[in-house]
Protein backbone atom coordinates (compact mmCIF):
# COMPACT_ATOMS: atom_id res chain seq x y z
CA MET A 1 1.80 -2.38 16.02
CA ARG A 2 2.69 -0.03 13.75
CA VAL A 3 1.51 3.78 13.85
CA ALA A 4 2.40 6.26 11.06
CA ARG A 5 1.87 9.49 11.91
CA ILE A 6 -0.39 11.86 9.26
CA SER A 7 1.45 15.42 7.81
CA LYS A 8 -0.55 18.34 7.93
CA GLN A 9 -1.67 18.44 4.40
CA GLU A 10 -0.02 15.69 2.29
CA LYS A 11 -0.68 16.22 -1.61
CA PRO A 12 -0.98 13.87 -4.19
CA VAL A 13 2.70 12.83 -6.01
CA ASN A 14 2.22 14.67 -9.07
CA GLY A 15 0.98 18.00 -6.91
CA ASP A 16 -1.95 18.07 -9.21
CA VAL A 17 -5.77 17.88 -6.66
CA PRO A 18 -7.93 14.93 -7.17
CA ASP A 19 -10.84 15.29 -9.44
CA LEU A 20 -12.91 14.81 -6.17
CA SER A 21 -16.14 14.64 -8.38
CA LEU A 22 -15.31 10.81 -8.89
CA LEU A 23 -16.35 10.35 -5.16
CA ASN A 24 -20.14 11.99 -5.67
CA PRO A 25 -21.22 9.21 -6.95
CA LEU A 26 -19.92 6.41 -3.75
CA ILE A 27 -21.43 9.48 -1.64
CA SER A 28 -25.08 9.43 -3.13
CA LYS A 29 -24.51 5.46 -2.89
CA TYR A 30 -23.95 5.22 0.99
CA LYS A 31 -24.83 8.62 2.57
CA GLY A 32 -27.24 8.30 5.39
CA ARG A 33 -26.49 4.90 5.39
CA LYS A 34 -25.66 3.12 8.96
CA GLY A 35 -22.04 1.38 8.55
CA ASN A 36 -20.64 3.51 5.75
CA LEU A 37 -17.79 4.84 7.34
CA ILE A 38 -15.52 1.63 5.43
CA PRO A 39 -17.12 1.23 2.71
CA LEU A 40 -16.41 4.90 1.67
CA LEU A 41 -12.94 4.47 2.96
CA GLN A 42 -12.81 1.45 0.48
CA GLY A 43 -14.40 3.47 -2.13
CA ALA A 44 -12.24 5.93 -2.25
CA GLN A 45 -9.08 4.31 -1.99
CA ASN A 46 -10.07 2.29 -5.17
CA ILE A 47 -10.99 5.47 -7.32
CA TYR A 48 -7.52 7.08 -5.98
CA GLY A 49 -5.55 4.15 -5.04
CA PHE A 50 -5.18 5.71 -1.62
CA ILE A 51 -7.20 8.03 0.45
CA PRO A 52 -5.97 12.23 -0.31
CA SER A 53 -6.77 14.60 2.85
CA GLU A 54 -9.38 15.88 0.54
CA ALA A 55 -11.15 12.85 0.02
CA PHE A 56 -11.18 12.81 3.84
CA VAL A 57 -12.57 16.87 4.24
CA LYS A 58 -15.13 16.12 0.75
CA ILE A 59 -16.38 12.73 2.46
CA SER A 60 -16.36 14.32 6.16
CA GLU A 61 -18.96 17.76 4.65
CA GLU A 62 -21.19 15.81 3.09
CA THR A 63 -22.06 12.71 5.10
CA GLY A 64 -21.00 14.40 8.43
CA LEU A 65 -18.86 11.49 9.34
CA SER A 66 -16.19 13.24 11.71
CA LEU A 67 -12.43 13.67 10.56
CA SER A 68 -10.95 12.44 13.31
CA GLU A 69 -13.24 8.92 13.03
CA MET A 70 -12.35 8.43 9.46
CA TYR A 71 -8.59 9.14 10.53
CA GLY A 72 -9.09 6.90 13.06
CA VAL A 73 -10.77 4.24 11.42
CA ALA A 74 -7.66 4.73 8.38
CA THR A 75 -4.87 4.20 10.38
CA PHE A 76 -6.43 1.39 12.44
CA TYR A 77 -6.42 -0.93 9.90
CA ALA A 78 -3.78 -1.68 6.96
CA GLN A 79 -5.47 -2.20 4.25
CA PHE A 80 -5.85 1.47 3.74
CA ARG A 81 -3.06 3.67 2.16
CA LEU A 82 -2.44 7.50 3.48
CA LYS A 83 -0.13 8.20 0.87
CA PRO A 84 0.29 6.62 -3.16
CA VAL A 85 2.22 3.14 -3.86
CA GLY A 86 3.85 2.13 -6.32
CA LYS A 87 2.45 -0.10 -8.92
CA HIS A 88 3.85 -3.28 -7.44
CA ILE A 89 3.76 -4.12 -3.47
CA ILE A 90 6.16 -6.09 -2.10
CA LYS A 91 5.33 -7.36 1.13
CA VAL A 92 7.56 -9.19 3.06
CA CYS A 93 6.69 -11.87 5.93
CA HIS A 94 7.41 -11.39 9.45
CA GLY A 95 5.90 -14.20 11.47
CA THR A 96 7.65 -16.62 13.16
CA ALA A 97 8.37 -18.90 10.32
CA CYS A 98 9.78 -16.56 8.09
CA HIS A 99 12.00 -14.63 10.98
CA VAL A 100 13.16 -17.51 12.13
CA GLN A 101 14.35 -18.09 8.90
CA ASN A 102 16.38 -14.31 8.35
CA ALA A 103 13.25 -12.44 6.57
CA ASN A 104 15.48 -9.55 7.84
CA ALA A 105 18.18 -10.50 5.66
CA ILE A 106 15.21 -10.59 2.80
CA THR A 107 13.92 -6.91 4.03
CA ASP A 108 17.43 -5.51 4.25
CA ALA A 109 18.42 -6.25 0.59
CA ILE A 110 15.25 -5.15 -1.20
CA GLN A 111 15.89 -1.90 1.09
CA ASP A 112 19.42 -1.67 0.18
CA SER A 113 18.56 -2.72 -3.42
CA LEU A 114 15.70 -0.16 -3.70
CA ARG A 115 16.81 2.55 -1.25
CA ILE A 116 14.13 2.90 0.25
CA LYS A 117 12.84 1.77 3.80
CA ASP A 118 9.67 -0.36 5.35
CA THR A 119 6.41 1.50 3.88
CA GLU A 120 8.07 3.62 1.12
CA THR A 121 7.77 4.27 -2.46
CA THR A 122 10.81 3.74 -4.79
CA GLU A 123 11.17 7.43 -6.91
CA ASP A 124 9.79 5.75 -10.16
CA GLY A 125 6.10 4.33 -8.20
CA LEU A 126 7.58 1.42 -9.17
CA PHE A 127 7.68 -0.66 -6.01
CA THR A 128 6.58 -0.28 -2.77
CA LEU A 129 7.47 -1.96 0.47
CA GLU A 130 5.77 -3.72 3.54
CA SER A 131 6.80 -5.64 5.98
CA VAL A 132 3.64 -8.06 7.12
CA ALA A 133 3.01 -9.98 9.94
CA CYS A 134 1.62 -12.90 8.24
CA LEU A 135 1.26 -14.02 4.13
CA GLY A 136 0.05 -17.70 5.24
CA CYS A 137 2.94 -19.68 3.21
CA CYS A 138 4.74 -20.81 6.62
CA SER A 139 6.43 -23.86 5.24
CA LEU A 140 7.41 -21.92 2.35
CA ALA A 141 9.41 -19.45 4.86
CA PRO A 142 10.72 -17.06 4.51
CA VAL A 143 8.25 -15.80 2.02
CA MET A 144 7.25 -12.49 -0.21
CA MET A 145 4.49 -11.48 -2.02
CA ILE A 146 4.72 -9.46 -5.15
CA GLY A 147 1.06 -8.09 -6.18
CA GLU A 148 -0.40 -12.09 -6.65
CA ASP A 149 2.69 -13.52 -7.41
CA THR A 150 4.30 -15.65 -4.08
CA TYR A 151 8.03 -16.22 -3.74
CA GLY A 152 9.56 -18.70 -0.69
CA LYS A 153 12.46 -20.05 0.41
CA LEU A 154 13.96 -17.03 -0.31
CA THR A 155 17.34 -15.52 0.23
CA GLY A 156 18.07 -11.75 0.20
CA LYS A 157 19.63 -11.82 -3.05
CA GLU A 158 17.06 -13.72 -4.85
CA ALA A 159 15.17 -11.20 -3.55
CA VAL A 160 16.72 -8.53 -5.70
CA LYS A 161 17.19 -10.39 -8.35
CA ILE A 162 13.19 -11.22 -9.10
CA ILE A 163 12.49 -7.77 -8.31
CA LYS A 164 15.19 -6.66 -11.36
CA GLU A 165 13.36 -9.12 -13.56
CA ILE A 166 9.70 -6.79 -13.02
CA ARG A 167 11.95 -3.71 -13.19
CA LEU A 168 13.22 -5.16 -16.49
CA LYS A 169 10.09 -6.20 -17.88
CA GLU A 170 8.09 -2.89 -17.50
CA SER A 171 11.60 -0.74 -18.96
CA GLN A 172 10.21 -3.06 -21.43
CA PRO A 173 8.07 -1.51 -24.70
CA ALA A 174 4.61 -2.98 -24.53
CA GLU A 175 5.02 -4.79 -27.71
CA ASN A 176 7.70 -6.79 -25.98
CA LYS A 177 5.89 -7.70 -23.04
């Protein structure tokens, strides 16, 4: 299990404080309801793309949920993000079938190409790399997903080529896409 330490006061990438008023309808909907913790965290993440520390504080103050309980849930479940992520999330499978088919070579090639480590985001905010336990595509091992697209029977070189193609498409003017 991967456990990430939370820095004391992490600010959004652009340095601005998020617009916390966007949370008001969400808090109104779930305040006082039993089992509201996960829907509140999911809703906050849907609004911001991750859960900013300021959102935890606002939700805690307005619902009475403890910060430690919220952070405990948010760090336990892989679905929650405490940092902004890239436009494209690259998930490299490291389940048994992918592992024996050398998934590490794919992760290593992507890390070298993008100059990031696992769980990090490129400086341009385009890609985030994640190693995952299983993508459920064992017959395609080794496998990676980028967004909803699955790529199988990969080598590190092929994975990097796919990412370069996505970057190229992203750099083209809108009318050429």
